[in-house]
Amino acid sequence: MENYFNTLSNRLENLFTFNMVKTLVAILFQDMEQAFKVFSGKSDQDMSDEEEESNLDDQVFFEVRNAKISTREHIKNFLGLLISLCSKEMQYKIIEHITRSIIFEYKVMRKSIYNEILILSK
């Protein structure tokens, strides 16, 4: 059984490289940052853009929002599963990358998302 797990772990790490994981984490951080700006009322756009956005159809807005939430959930689930199945070295690299981004690069991530990734990885 141990040999099967090692083979599976190696195949996963060959299929899903660390650079791909970094890209997924970057997408997650970008989505969290946008959600934080909307929630906190901060915006990088000028008023004319905000007026144009406010005229969007509500249904389109909710569809886009739901798609973003769905993407976030899928990435979270995938990272948790990958961490649980890959080698200890890869597990450490993924968790270290997320933690360094939060601490040293001041990336925004809800604590609950990070906790859920860690819970899924067990």
PDB file of N, CA and C in Angstrom:
ATOM      1  N   MET A   1       0.822  -1.192   0.000  1.00  0.00           N
ATOM      2  CA  MET A   1       0.000   0.000   0.000  1.00  0.00           C
ATOM      3  C   MET A   1       0.867   1.257   0.000  1.00  0.00           C
ATOM      4  N   GLU A   2       1.965   1.208   0.745  1.00  0.00           N
ATOM      5  CA  GLU A   2       2.887   2.352   0.803  1.00  0.00           C
ATOM      6  C   GLU A   2       3.470   2.643  -0.582  1.00  0.00           C
ATOM      7  N   ASN A   3       3.794   1.583  -1.333  1.00  0.00           N
ATOM      8  CA  ASN A   3       4.348   1.756  -2.672  1.00  0.00           C
ATOM      9  C   ASN A   3       3.325   2.412  -3.600  1.00  0.00           C
ATOM     10  N   TYR A   4       2.050   2.010  -3.474  1.00  0.00           N
ATOM     11  CA  TYR A   4       0.997   2.609  -4.279  1.00  0.00           C
ATOM     12  C   TYR A   4       0.866   4.101  -3.978  1.00  0.00           C
ATOM     13  N   PHE A   5       0.907   4.451  -2.690  1.00  0.00           N
ATOM     14  CA  PHE A   5       0.797   5.853  -2.304  1.00  0.00           C
ATOM     15  C   PHE A   5       1.961   6.660  -2.860  1.00  0.00           C
ATOM     16  N   ASN A   6       3.176   6.117  -2.801  1.00  0.00           N
ATOM     17  CA  ASN A   6       4.346   6.821  -3.343  1.00  0.00           C
ATOM     18  C   ASN A   6       4.218   7.011  -4.849  1.00  0.00           C
ATOM     19  N   THR A   7       3.724   5.995  -5.550  1.00  0.00           N
ATOM     20  CA  THR A   7       3.537   6.102  -6.991  1.00  0.00           C
ATOM     21  C   THR A   7       2.485   7.159  -7.318  1.00  0.00           C
ATOM     22  N   LEU A   8       1.376   7.139  -6.591  1.00  0.00           N
ATOM     23  CA  LEU A   8       0.327   8.131  -6.790  1.00  0.00           C
ATOM     24  C   LEU A   8       0.849   9.531  -6.505  1.00  0.00           C
ATOM     25  N   SER A   9       1.591   9.671  -5.436  1.00  0.00           N
ATOM     26  CA  SER A   9       2.156  10.962  -5.070  1.00  0.00           C
ATOM     27  C   SER A   9       3.085  11.483  -6.156  1.00  0.00           C
ATOM     28  N   ASN A  10       3.948  10.634  -6.678  1.00  0.00           N
ATOM     29  CA  ASN A  10       4.868  11.045  -7.747  1.00  0.00           C
ATOM     30  C   ASN A  10       4.120  11.440  -9.014  1.00  0.00           C
ATOM     31  N   ARG A  11       3.081  10.672  -9.355  1.00  0.00           N
ATOM     32  CA  ARG A  11       2.309  10.996 -10.549  1.00  0.00           C
ATOM     33  C   ARG A  11       1.588  12.333 -10.393  1.00  0.00           C
ATOM     34  N   LEU A  12       1.033  12.571  -9.214  1.00  0.00           N
ATOM     35  CA  LEU A  12       0.357  13.846  -8.976  1.00  0.00           C
ATOM     36  C   LEU A  12       1.326  15.016  -9.081  1.00  0.00           C
ATOM     37  N   GLU A  13       2.503  14.849  -8.519  1.00  0.00           N
ATOM     38  CA  GLU A  13       3.484  15.938  -8.561  1.00  0.00           C
ATOM     39  C   GLU A  13       4.008  16.170  -9.969  1.00  0.00           C
ATOM     40  N   ASN A  14       4.047  15.132 -10.800  1.00  0.00           N
ATOM     41  CA  ASN A  14       4.437  15.321 -12.192  1.00  0.00           C
ATOM     42  C   ASN A  14       3.311  15.978 -12.994  1.00  0.00           C
ATOM     43  N   LEU A  15       2.081  15.631 -12.658  1.00  0.00           N
ATOM     44  CA  LEU A  15       0.931  16.176 -13.364  1.00  0.00           C
ATOM     45  C   LEU A  15       0.643  17.621 -12.946  1.00  0.00           C
ATOM     46  N   PHE A  16       0.699  17.877 -11.643  1.00  0.00           N
ATOM     47  CA  PHE A  16       0.415  19.206 -11.098  1.00  0.00           C
ATOM     48  C   PHE A  16       1.696  19.765 -10.488  1.00  0.00           C
ATOM     49  N   THR A  17       2.420  20.518 -11.277  1.00  0.00           N
ATOM     50  CA  THR A  17       3.698  21.059 -10.825  1.00  0.00           C
ATOM     51  C   THR A  17       3.479  22.170  -9.802  1.00  0.00           C
ATOM     52  N   PHE A  18       4.555  22.517  -9.123  1.00  0.00           N
ATOM     53  CA  PHE A  18       4.472  23.568  -8.115  1.00  0.00           C
ATOM     54  C   PHE A  18       4.134  24.912  -8.761  1.00  0.00           C
ATOM     55  N   ASN A  19       4.603  25.146  -9.976  1.00  0.00           N
ATOM     56  CA  ASN A  19       4.263  26.399 -10.677  1.00  0.00           C
ATOM     57  C   ASN A  19       2.766  26.490 -10.955  1.00  0.00           C
ATOM     58  N   MET A  20       2.126  25.359 -11.284  1.00  0.00           N
ATOM     59  CA  MET A  20       0.689  25.369 -11.488  1.00  0.00           C
ATOM     60  C   MET A  20      -0.029  25.672 -10.172  1.00  0.00           C
ATOM     61  N   VAL A  21       0.467  25.105  -9.081  1.00  0.00           N
ATOM     62  CA  VAL A  21      -0.104  25.368  -7.758  1.00  0.00           C
ATOM     63  C   VAL A  21       0.040  26.850  -7.421  1.00  0.00           C
ATOM     64  N   LYS A  22       1.197  27.440  -7.722  1.00  0.00           N
ATOM     65  CA  LYS A  22       1.397  28.870  -7.467  1.00  0.00           C
ATOM     66  C   LYS A  22       0.407  29.719  -8.271  1.00  0.00           C
ATOM     67  N   THR A  23       0.105  29.298  -9.488  1.00  0.00           N
ATOM     68  CA  THR A  23      -0.867  30.011 -10.309  1.00  0.00           C
ATOM     69  C   THR A  23      -2.257  29.934  -9.695  1.00  0.00           C
ATOM     70  N   LEU A  24      -2.646  28.760  -9.224  1.00  0.00           N
ATOM     71  CA  LEU A  24      -3.946  28.613  -8.578  1.00  0.00           C
ATOM     72  C   LEU A  24      -4.042  29.456  -7.312  1.00  0.00           C
ATOM     73  N   VAL A  25      -2.964  29.480  -6.541  1.00  0.00           N
ATOM     74  CA  VAL A  25      -2.940  30.292  -5.323  1.00  0.00           C
ATOM     75  C   VAL A  25      -3.037  31.771  -5.690  1.00  0.00           C
ATOM     76  N   ALA A  26      -2.369  32.188  -6.761  1.00  0.00           N
ATOM     77  CA  ALA A  26      -2.449  33.586  -7.204  1.00  0.00           C
ATOM     78  C   ALA A  26      -3.875  33.946  -7.608  1.00  0.00           C
ATOM     79  N   ILE A  27      -4.573  33.033  -8.294  1.00  0.00           N
ATOM     80  CA  ILE A  27      -5.972  33.275  -8.665  1.00  0.00           C
ATOM     81  C   ILE A  27      -6.818  33.413  -7.408  1.00  0.00           C
ATOM     82  N   LEU A  28      -6.572  32.559  -6.437  1.00  0.00           N
ATOM     83  CA  LEU A  28      -7.307  32.607  -5.173  1.00  0.00           C
ATOM     84  C   LEU A  28      -7.075  33.930  -4.454  1.00  0.00           C
ATOM     85  N   PHE A  29      -5.810  34.365  -4.384  1.00  0.00           N
ATOM     86  CA  PHE A  29      -5.493  35.646  -3.743  1.00  0.00           C
ATOM     87  C   PHE A  29      -6.131  36.818  -4.484  1.00  0.00           C
ATOM     88  N   GLN A  30      -6.094  36.797  -5.811  1.00  0.00           N
ATOM     89  CA  GLN A  30      -6.678  37.883  -6.592  1.00  0.00           C
ATOM     90  C   GLN A  30      -8.182  37.967  -6.347  1.00  0.00           C
ATOM     91  N   ASP A  31      -8.838  36.831  -6.321  1.00  0.00           N
ATOM     92  CA  ASP A  31     -10.267  36.816  -6.072  1.00  0.00           C
ATOM     93  C   ASP A  31     -10.587  37.305  -4.663  1.00  0.00           C
ATOM     94  N   MET A  32      -9.790  36.901  -3.691  1.00  0.00           N
ATOM     95  CA  MET A  32     -10.003  37.342  -2.318  1.00  0.00           C
ATOM     96  C   MET A  32      -9.779  38.848  -2.187  1.00  0.00           C
ATOM     97  N   GLU A  33      -8.788  39.369  -2.880  1.00  0.00           N
ATOM     98  CA  GLU A  33      -8.514  40.808  -2.823  1.00  0.00           C
ATOM     99  C   GLU A  33      -9.674  41.607  -3.418  1.00  0.00           C
ATOM    100  N   GLN A  34     -10.205  41.139  -4.546  1.00  0.00           N
ATOM    101  CA  GLN A  34     -11.347  41.814  -5.152  1.00  0.00           C
ATOM    102  C   GLN A  34     -12.561  41.763  -4.234  1.00  0.00           C
ATOM    103  N   ALA A  35     -12.792  40.617  -3.618  1.00  0.00           N
ATOM    104  CA  ALA A  35     -13.921  40.488  -2.699  1.00  0.00           C
ATOM    105  C   ALA A  35     -13.734  41.405  -1.491  1.00  0.00           C
ATOM    106  N   PHE A  36     -12.500  41.519  -1.013  1.00  0.00           N
ATOM    107  CA  PHE A  36     -12.217  42.388   0.136  1.00  0.00           C
ATOM    108  C   PHE A  36     -12.485  43.850  -0.218  1.00  0.00           C
ATOM    109  N   LYS A  37     -12.084  44.273  -1.412  1.00  0.00           N
ATOM    110  CA  LYS A  37     -12.315  45.653  -1.835  1.00  0.00           C
ATOM    111  C   LYS A  37     -13.797  45.958  -1.937  1.00  0.00           C
ATOM    112  N   VAL A  38     -14.554  45.025  -2.482  1.00  0.00           N
ATOM    113  CA  VAL A  38     -15.997  45.226  -2.601  1.00  0.00           C
ATOM    114  C   VAL A  38     -16.628  45.279  -1.218  1.00  0.00           C
ATOM    115  N   PHE A  39     -16.211  44.358  -0.356  1.00  0.00           N
ATOM    116  CA  PHE A  39     -16.799  44.285   0.981  1.00  0.00           C
ATOM    117  C   PHE A  39     -16.448  45.503   1.823  1.00  0.00           C
ATOM    118  N   SER A  40     -15.203  45.983   1.700  1.00  0.00           N
ATOM    119  CA  SER A  40     -14.773  47.114   2.523  1.00  0.00           C
ATOM    120  C   SER A  40     -15.133  48.462   1.906  1.00  0.00           C
ATOM    121  N   GLY A  41     -15.626  48.455   0.679  1.00  0.00           N
ATOM    122  CA  GLY A  41     -16.023  49.698   0.031  1.00  0.00           C
ATOM    123  C   GLY A  41     -14.885  50.385  -0.691  1.00  0.00           C
ATOM    124  N   LYS A  42     -13.708  49.776  -0.736  1.00  0.00           N
ATOM    125  CA  LYS A  42     -12.575  50.369  -1.440  1.00  0.00           C
ATOM    126  C   LYS A  42     -12.662  49.999  -2.911  1.00  0.00           C
ATOM    127  N   SER A  43     -12.168  50.894  -3.742  1.00  0.00           N
ATOM    128  CA  SER A  43     -12.199  50.633  -5.178  1.00  0.00           C
ATOM    129  C   SER A  43     -11.057  51.365  -5.860  1.00  0.00           C
ATOM    130  N   ASP A  44     -10.528  50.730  -6.905  1.00  0.00           N
ATOM    131  CA  ASP A  44      -9.469  51.353  -7.710  1.00  0.00           C
ATOM    132  C   ASP A  44     -10.043  52.095  -8.906  1.00  0.00           C
ATOM    133  N   GLN A  45     -11.351  52.046  -9.089  1.00  0.00           N
ATOM    134  CA  GLN A  45     -11.967  52.618 -10.277  1.00  0.00           C
ATOM    135  C   GLN A  45     -12.519  53.997  -9.969  1.00  0.00           C
ATOM    136  N   ASP A  46     -12.659  54.779 -11.027  1.00  0.00           N
ATOM    137  CA  ASP A  46     -13.240  56.110 -10.835  1.00  0.00           C
ATOM    138  C   ASP A  46     -14.764  56.024 -10.857  1.00  0.00           C
ATOM    139  N   MET A  47     -15.444  57.118 -10.564  1.00  0.00           N
ATOM    140  CA  MET A  47     -16.891  57.138 -10.401  1.00  0.00           C
ATOM    141  C   MET A  47     -17.635  56.756 -11.678  1.00  0.00           C
ATOM    142  N   SER A  48     -17.124  57.136 -12.835  1.00  0.00           N
ATOM    143  CA  SER A  48     -17.848  56.802 -14.066  1.00  0.00           C
ATOM    144  C   SER A  48     -17.912  55.298 -14.265  1.00  0.00           C
ATOM    145  N   ASP A  49     -16.845  54.590 -13.923  1.00  0.00           N
ATOM    146  CA  ASP A  49     -16.859  53.132 -14.012  1.00  0.00           C
ATOM    147  C   ASP A  49     -17.856  52.548 -13.026  1.00  0.00           C
ATOM    148  N   GLU A  50     -17.912  53.116 -11.818  1.00  0.00           N
ATOM    149  CA  GLU A  50     -18.837  52.612 -10.807  1.00  0.00           C
ATOM    150  C   GLU A  50     -20.283  52.832 -11.246  1.00  0.00           C
ATOM    151  N   GLU A  51     -20.566  53.983 -11.864  1.00  0.00           N
ATOM    152  CA  GLU A  51     -21.921  54.237 -12.350  1.00  0.00           C
ATOM    153  C   GLU A  51     -22.291  53.256 -13.449  1.00  0.00           C
ATOM    154  N   GLU A  52     -21.337  52.966 -14.325  1.00  0.00           N
ATOM    155  CA  GLU A  52     -21.597  52.022 -15.404  1.00  0.00           C
ATOM    156  C   GLU A  52     -21.855  50.630 -14.842  1.00  0.00           C
ATOM    157  N   GLU A  53     -21.068  50.233 -13.844  1.00  0.00           N
ATOM    158  CA  GLU A  53     -21.254  48.921 -13.225  1.00  0.00           C
ATOM    159  C   GLU A  53     -22.593  48.830 -12.502  1.00  0.00           C
ATOM    160  N   SER A  54     -23.027  49.927 -11.901  1.00  0.00           N
ATOM    161  CA  SER A  54     -24.289  49.892 -11.169  1.00  0.00           C
ATOM    162  C   SER A  54     -25.475  49.692 -12.099  1.00  0.00           C
ATOM    163  N   ASN A  55     -25.300  49.981 -13.395  1.00  0.00           N
ATOM    164  CA  ASN A  55     -26.367  49.796 -14.363  1.00  0.00           C
ATOM    165  C   ASN A  55     -26.422  48.383 -14.936  1.00  0.00           C
ATOM    166  N   LEU A  56     -25.500  47.519 -14.500  1.00  0.00           N
ATOM    167  CA  LEU A  56     -25.512  46.143 -14.985  1.00  0.00           C
ATOM    168  C   LEU A  56     -26.770  45.435 -14.503  1.00  0.00           C
ATOM    169  N   ASP A  57     -27.203  44.506 -15.297  1.00  0.00           N
ATOM    170  CA  ASP A  57     -28.357  43.694 -14.921  1.00  0.00           C
ATOM    171  C   ASP A  57     -28.013  42.904 -13.657  1.00  0.00           C
ATOM    172  N   ASP A  58     -28.915  42.905 -12.689  1.00  0.00           N
ATOM    173  CA  ASP A  58     -28.674  42.213 -11.421  1.00  0.00           C
ATOM    174  C   ASP A  58     -28.421  40.731 -11.630  1.00  0.00           C
ATOM    175  N   GLN A  59     -29.093  40.121 -12.564  1.00  0.00           N
ATOM    176  CA  GLN A  59     -28.914  38.693 -12.796  1.00  0.00           C
ATOM    177  C   GLN A  59     -27.488  38.395 -13.251  1.00  0.00           C
ATOM    178  N   VAL A  60     -26.948  39.228 -14.136  1.00  0.00           N
ATOM    179  CA  VAL A  60     -25.570  39.041 -14.606  1.00  0.00           C
ATOM    180  C   VAL A  60     -24.606  39.190 -13.434  1.00  0.00           C
ATOM    181  N   PHE A  61     -24.838  40.197 -12.590  1.00  0.00           N
ATOM    182  CA  PHE A  61     -23.987  40.410 -11.427  1.00  0.00           C
ATOM    183  C   PHE A  61     -23.971  39.175 -10.532  1.00  0.00           C
ATOM    184  N   PHE A  62     -25.135  38.625 -10.237  1.00  0.00           N
ATOM    185  CA  PHE A  62     -25.199  37.466  -9.352  1.00  0.00           C
ATOM    186  C   PHE A  62     -24.599  36.224  -9.990  1.00  0.00           C
ATOM    187  N   GLU A  63     -24.741  36.088 -11.308  1.00  0.00           N
ATOM    188  CA  GLU A  63     -24.125  34.950 -11.993  1.00  0.00           C
ATOM    189  C   GLU A  63     -22.605  35.030 -11.925  1.00  0.00           C
ATOM    190  N   VAL A  64     -22.076  36.216 -12.143  1.00  0.00           N
ATOM    191  CA  VAL A  64     -20.621  36.395 -12.070  1.00  0.00           C
ATOM    192  C   VAL A  64     -20.132  36.153 -10.646  1.00  0.00           C
ATOM    193  N   ARG A  65     -20.845  36.705  -9.673  1.00  0.00           N
ATOM    194  CA  ARG A  65     -20.460  36.514  -8.274  1.00  0.00           C
ATOM    195  C   ARG A  65     -20.482  35.035  -7.893  1.00  0.00           C
ATOM    196  N   ASN A  66     -21.526  34.321  -8.308  1.00  0.00           N
ATOM    197  CA  ASN A  66     -21.624  32.900  -7.997  1.00  0.00           C
ATOM    198  C   ASN A  66     -20.531  32.092  -8.692  1.00  0.00           C
ATOM    199  N   ALA A  67     -20.171  32.492  -9.907  1.00  0.00           N
ATOM    200  CA  ALA A  67     -19.090  31.808 -10.614  1.00  0.00           C
ATOM    201  C   ALA A  67     -17.770  32.011  -9.887  1.00  0.00           C
ATOM    202  N   LYS A  68     -17.531  33.223  -9.372  1.00  0.00           N
ATOM    203  CA  LYS A  68     -16.298  33.486  -8.618  1.00  0.00           C
ATOM    204  C   LYS A  68     -16.253  32.666  -7.338  1.00  0.00           C
ATOM    205  N   ILE A  69     -17.384  32.584  -6.639  1.00  0.00           N
ATOM    206  CA  ILE A  69     -17.443  31.792  -5.413  1.00  0.00           C
ATOM    207  C   ILE A  69     -17.202  30.325  -5.732  1.00  0.00           C
ATOM    208  N   SER A  70     -17.796  29.849  -6.814  1.00  0.00           N
ATOM    209  CA  SER A  70     -17.613  28.459  -7.222  1.00  0.00           C
ATOM    210  C   SER A  70     -16.149  28.181  -7.564  1.00  0.00           C
ATOM    211  N   THR A  71     -15.514  29.090  -8.289  1.00  0.00           N
ATOM    212  CA  THR A  71     -14.097  28.935  -8.623  1.00  0.00           C
ATOM    213  C   THR A  71     -13.248  28.891  -7.374  1.00  0.00           C
ATOM    214  N   ARG A  72     -13.516  29.783  -6.446  1.00  0.00           N
ATOM    215  CA  ARG A  72     -12.783  29.817  -5.187  1.00  0.00           C
ATOM    216  C   ARG A  72     -12.921  28.485  -4.433  1.00  0.00           C
ATOM    217  N   GLU A  73     -14.132  27.962  -4.386  1.00  0.00           N
ATOM    218  CA  GLU A  73     -14.381  26.699  -3.684  1.00  0.00           C
ATOM    219  C   GLU A  73     -13.660  25.540  -4.365  1.00  0.00           C
ATOM    220  N   HIS A  74     -13.673  25.523  -5.701  1.00  0.00           N
ATOM    221  CA  HIS A  74     -12.995  24.449  -6.428  1.00  0.00           C
ATOM    222  C   HIS A  74     -11.482  24.501  -6.197  1.00  0.00           C
ATOM    223  N   ILE A  75     -10.907  25.677  -6.234  1.00  0.00           N
ATOM    224  CA  ILE A  75      -9.465  25.810  -5.988  1.00  0.00           C
ATOM    225  C   ILE A  75      -9.137  25.385  -4.574  1.00  0.00           C
ATOM    226  N   LYS A  76      -9.939  25.818  -3.610  1.00  0.00           N
ATOM    227  CA  LYS A  76      -9.724  25.449  -2.208  1.00  0.00           C
ATOM    228  C   LYS A  76      -9.766  23.931  -2.050  1.00  0.00           C
ATOM    229  N   ASN A  77     -10.783  23.294  -2.623  1.00  0.00           N
ATOM    230  CA  ASN A  77     -10.909  21.839  -2.522  1.00  0.00           C
ATOM    231  C   ASN A  77      -9.752  21.121  -3.205  1.00  0.00           C
ATOM    232  N   PHE A  78      -9.362  21.629  -4.381  1.00  0.00           N
ATOM    233  CA  PHE A  78      -8.258  21.008  -5.103  1.00  0.00           C
ATOM    234  C   PHE A  78      -6.952  21.105  -4.318  1.00  0.00           C
ATOM    235  N   LEU A  79      -6.663  22.295  -3.764  1.00  0.00           N
ATOM    236  CA  LEU A  79      -5.423  22.454  -2.999  1.00  0.00           C
ATOM    237  C   LEU A  79      -5.413  21.548  -1.777  1.00  0.00           C
ATOM    238  N   GLY A  80      -6.541  21.455  -1.069  1.00  0.00           N
ATOM    239  CA  GLY A  80      -6.621  20.571   0.091  1.00  0.00           C
ATOM    240  C   GLY A  80      -6.385  19.121  -0.290  1.00  0.00           C
ATOM    241  N   LEU A  81      -7.001  18.676  -1.383  1.00  0.00           N
ATOM    242  CA  LEU A  81      -6.821  17.308  -1.845  1.00  0.00           C
ATOM    243  C   LEU A  81      -5.392  17.056  -2.296  1.00  0.00           C
ATOM    244  N   LEU A  82      -4.826  17.990  -3.039  1.00  0.00           N
ATOM    245  CA  LEU A  82      -3.449  17.830  -3.508  1.00  0.00           C
ATOM    246  C   LEU A  82      -2.478  17.758  -2.340  1.00  0.00           C
ATOM    247  N   ILE A  83      -2.663  18.613  -1.344  1.00  0.00           N
ATOM    248  CA  ILE A  83      -1.783  18.591  -0.172  1.00  0.00           C
ATOM    249  C   ILE A  83      -1.900  17.252   0.544  1.00  0.00           C
ATOM    250  N   SER A  84      -3.094  16.697   0.603  1.00  0.00           N
ATOM    251  CA  SER A  84      -3.271  15.430   1.315  1.00  0.00           C
ATOM    252  C   SER A  84      -2.642  14.253   0.575  1.00  0.00           C
ATOM    253  N   LEU A  85      -2.509  14.355  -0.738  1.00  0.00           N
ATOM    254  CA  LEU A  85      -2.020  13.219  -1.518  1.00  0.00           C
ATOM    255  C   LEU A  85      -0.569  13.328  -1.969  1.00  0.00           C
ATOM    256  N   CYS A  86       0.020  14.502  -1.907  1.00  0.00           N
ATOM    257  CA  CYS A  86       1.384  14.643  -2.419  1.00  0.00           C
ATOM    258  C   CYS A  86       2.415  14.355  -1.325  1.00  0.00           C
ATOM    259  N   SER A  87       3.675  14.388  -1.713  1.00  0.00           N
ATOM    260  CA  SER A  87       4.759  14.090  -0.779  1.00  0.00           C
ATOM    261  C   SER A  87       4.884  15.181   0.281  1.00  0.00           C
ATOM    262  N   LYS A  88       5.572  14.842   1.352  1.00  0.00           N
ATOM    263  CA  LYS A  88       5.767  15.800   2.448  1.00  0.00           C
ATOM    264  C   LYS A  88       6.483  17.053   1.953  1.00  0.00           C
ATOM    265  N   GLU A  89       7.439  16.882   1.060  1.00  0.00           N
ATOM    266  CA  GLU A  89       8.187  18.026   0.531  1.00  0.00           C
ATOM    267  C   GLU A  89       7.265  18.979  -0.230  1.00  0.00           C
ATOM    268  N   MET A  90       6.397  18.412  -1.069  1.00  0.00           N
ATOM    269  CA  MET A  90       5.460  19.235  -1.834  1.00  0.00           C
ATOM    270  C   MET A  90       4.424  19.876  -0.901  1.00  0.00           C
ATOM    271  N   GLN A  91       3.968  19.130   0.096  1.00  0.00           N
ATOM    272  CA  GLN A  91       3.028  19.684   1.079  1.00  0.00           C
ATOM    273  C   GLN A  91       3.634  20.924   1.729  1.00  0.00           C
ATOM    274  N   TYR A  92       4.877  20.793   2.156  1.00  0.00           N
ATOM    275  CA  TYR A  92       5.558  21.899   2.818  1.00  0.00           C
ATOM    276  C   TYR A  92       5.687  23.096   1.880  1.00  0.00           C
ATOM    277  N   LYS A  93       6.049  22.836   0.616  1.00  0.00           N
ATOM    278  CA  LYS A  93       6.222  23.934  -0.338  1.00  0.00           C
ATOM    279  C   LYS A  93       4.918  24.692  -0.573  1.00  0.00           C
ATOM    280  N   ILE A  94       3.814  23.958  -0.684  1.00  0.00           N
ATOM    281  CA  ILE A  94       2.519  24.606  -0.937  1.00  0.00           C
ATOM    282  C   ILE A  94       2.098  25.447   0.256  1.00  0.00           C
ATOM    283  N   ILE A  95       2.152  24.843   1.448  1.00  0.00           N
ATOM    284  CA  ILE A  95       1.739  25.562   2.658  1.00  0.00           C
ATOM    285  C   ILE A  95       2.667  26.751   2.916  1.00  0.00           C
ATOM    286  N   GLU A  96       3.970  26.557   2.696  1.00  0.00           N
ATOM    287  CA  GLU A  96       4.923  27.647   2.878  1.00  0.00           C
ATOM    288  C   GLU A  96       4.636  28.791   1.902  1.00  0.00           C
ATOM    289  N   HIS A  97       4.316  28.459   0.653  1.00  0.00           N
ATOM    290  CA  HIS A  97       4.035  29.496  -0.343  1.00  0.00           C
ATOM    291  C   HIS A  97       2.817  30.331   0.062  1.00  0.00           C
ATOM    292  N   ILE A  98       1.755  29.665   0.486  1.00  0.00           N
ATOM    293  CA  ILE A  98       0.540  30.389   0.901  1.00  0.00           C
ATOM    294  C   ILE A  98       0.841  31.260   2.111  1.00  0.00           C
ATOM    295  N   THR A  99       1.522  30.692   3.093  1.00  0.00           N
ATOM    296  CA  THR A  99       1.821  31.426   4.326  1.00  0.00           C
ATOM    297  C   THR A  99       2.743  32.616   4.062  1.00  0.00           C
ATOM    298  N   ARG A 100       3.777  32.421   3.258  1.00  0.00           N
ATOM    299  CA  ARG A 100       4.685  33.531   2.931  1.00  0.00           C
ATOM    300  C   ARG A 100       3.956  34.652   2.196  1.00  0.00           C
ATOM    301  N   SER A 101       3.055  34.267   1.309  1.00  0.00           N
ATOM    302  CA  SER A 101       2.305  35.287   0.567  1.00  0.00           C
ATOM    303  C   SER A 101       1.442  36.121   1.503  1.00  0.00           C
ATOM    304  N   ILE A 102       0.831  35.469   2.470  1.00  0.00           N
ATOM    305  CA  ILE A 102      -0.021  36.184   3.416  1.00  0.00           C
ATOM    306  C   ILE A 102       0.815  37.090   4.314  1.00  0.00           C
ATOM    307  N   ILE A 103       1.911  36.553   4.842  1.00  0.00           N
ATOM    308  CA  ILE A 103       2.702  37.295   5.835  1.00  0.00           C
ATOM    309  C   ILE A 103       3.597  38.348   5.200  1.00  0.00           C
ATOM    310  N   PHE A 104       4.387  37.973   4.210  1.00  0.00           N
ATOM    311  CA  PHE A 104       5.412  38.878   3.691  1.00  0.00           C
ATOM    312  C   PHE A 104       4.954  39.719   2.505  1.00  0.00           C
ATOM    313  N   GLU A 105       3.993  39.222   1.735  1.00  0.00           N
ATOM    314  CA  GLU A 105       3.524  39.986   0.572  1.00  0.00           C
ATOM    315  C   GLU A 105       2.190  40.657   0.848  1.00  0.00           C
ATOM    316  N   TYR A 106       1.694  40.510   2.061  1.00  0.00           N
ATOM    317  CA  TYR A 106       0.441  41.134   2.506  1.00  0.00           C
ATOM    318  C   TYR A 106      -0.736  40.790   1.589  1.00  0.00           C
ATOM    319  N   LYS A 107      -0.790  39.538   1.156  1.00  0.00           N
ATOM    320  CA  LYS A 107      -1.913  39.082   0.338  1.00  0.00           C
ATOM    321  C   LYS A 107      -3.125  38.890   1.248  1.00  0.00           C
ATOM    322  N   VAL A 108      -4.296  39.101   0.689  1.00  0.00           N
ATOM    323  CA  VAL A 108      -5.540  39.000   1.453  1.00  0.00           C
ATOM    324  C   VAL A 108      -6.145  37.620   1.242  1.00  0.00           C
ATOM    325  N   MET A 109      -6.414  36.918   2.339  1.00  0.00           N
ATOM    326  CA  MET A 109      -7.128  35.646   2.282  1.00  0.00           C
ATOM    327  C   MET A 109      -7.926  35.501   3.565  1.00  0.00           C
ATOM    328  N   ARG A 110      -9.175  35.121   3.412  1.00  0.00           N
ATOM    329  CA  ARG A 110      -9.981  34.876   4.603  1.00  0.00           C
ATOM    330  C   ARG A 110      -9.378  33.725   5.385  1.00  0.00           C
ATOM    331  N   LYS A 111      -9.328  33.885   6.697  1.00  0.00           N
ATOM    332  CA  LYS A 111      -8.768  32.832   7.546  1.00  0.00           C
ATOM    333  C   LYS A 111      -9.540  31.535   7.394  1.00  0.00           C
ATOM    334  N   SER A 112     -10.832  31.637   7.163  1.00  0.00           N
ATOM    335  CA  SER A 112     -11.639  30.426   7.030  1.00  0.00           C
ATOM    336  C   SER A 112     -11.243  29.626   5.788  1.00  0.00           C
ATOM    337  N   ILE A 113     -10.880  30.307   4.703  1.00  0.00           N
ATOM    338  CA  ILE A 113     -10.448  29.598   3.491  1.00  0.00           C
ATOM    339  C   ILE A 113      -9.147  28.862   3.759  1.00  0.00           C
ATOM    340  N   TYR A 114      -8.200  29.536   4.403  1.00  0.00           N
ATOM    341  CA  TYR A 114      -6.909  28.897   4.722  1.00  0.00           C
ATOM    342  C   TYR A 114      -7.121  27.720   5.664  1.00  0.00           C
ATOM    343  N   ASN A 115      -7.976  27.887   6.665  1.00  0.00           N
ATOM    344  CA  ASN A 115      -8.266  26.792   7.585  1.00  0.00           C
ATOM    345  C   ASN A 115      -8.923  25.620   6.869  1.00  0.00           C
ATOM    346  N   GLU A 116      -9.844  25.914   5.948  1.00  0.00           N
ATOM    347  CA  GLU A 116     -10.505  24.837   5.205  1.00  0.00           C
ATOM    348  C   GLU A 116      -9.512  24.081   4.332  1.00  0.00           C
ATOM    349  N   ILE A 117      -8.563  24.780   3.732  1.00  0.00           N
ATOM    350  CA  ILE A 117      -7.516  24.100   2.938  1.00  0.00           C
ATOM    351  C   ILE A 117      -6.743  23.140   3.839  1.00  0.00           C
ATOM    352  N   LEU A 118      -6.361  23.625   5.023  1.00  0.00           N
ATOM    353  CA  LEU A 118      -5.602  22.788   5.939  1.00  0.00           C
ATOM    354  C   LEU A 118      -6.432  21.607   6.450  1.00  0.00           C
ATOM    355  N   ILE A 119      -7.709  21.822   6.713  1.00  0.00           N
ATOM    356  CA  ILE A 119      -8.584  20.721   7.171  1.00  0.00           C
ATOM    357  C   ILE A 119      -8.757  19.693   6.061  1.00  0.00           C
ATOM    358  N   LEU A 120      -8.947  20.153   4.830  1.00  0.00           N
ATOM    359  CA  LEU A 120      -9.094  19.223   3.708  1.00  0.00           C
ATOM    360  C   LEU A 120      -7.820  18.431   3.448  1.00  0.00           C
ATOM    361  N   SER A 121      -6.687  18.972   3.854  1.00  0.00           N
ATOM    362  CA  SER A 121      -5.407  18.303   3.584  1.00  0.00           C
ATOM    363  C   SER A 121      -5.140  17.141   4.539  1.00  0.00           C
ATOM    364  N   LYS A 122      -5.959  16.994   5.568  1.00  0.00           N
ATOM    365  CA  LYS A 122      -5.733  15.897   6.529  1.00  0.00           C
ATOM    366  C   LYS A 122      -6.381  14.630   6.096  1.00  0.00           C
TER     367      LYS A 122
END
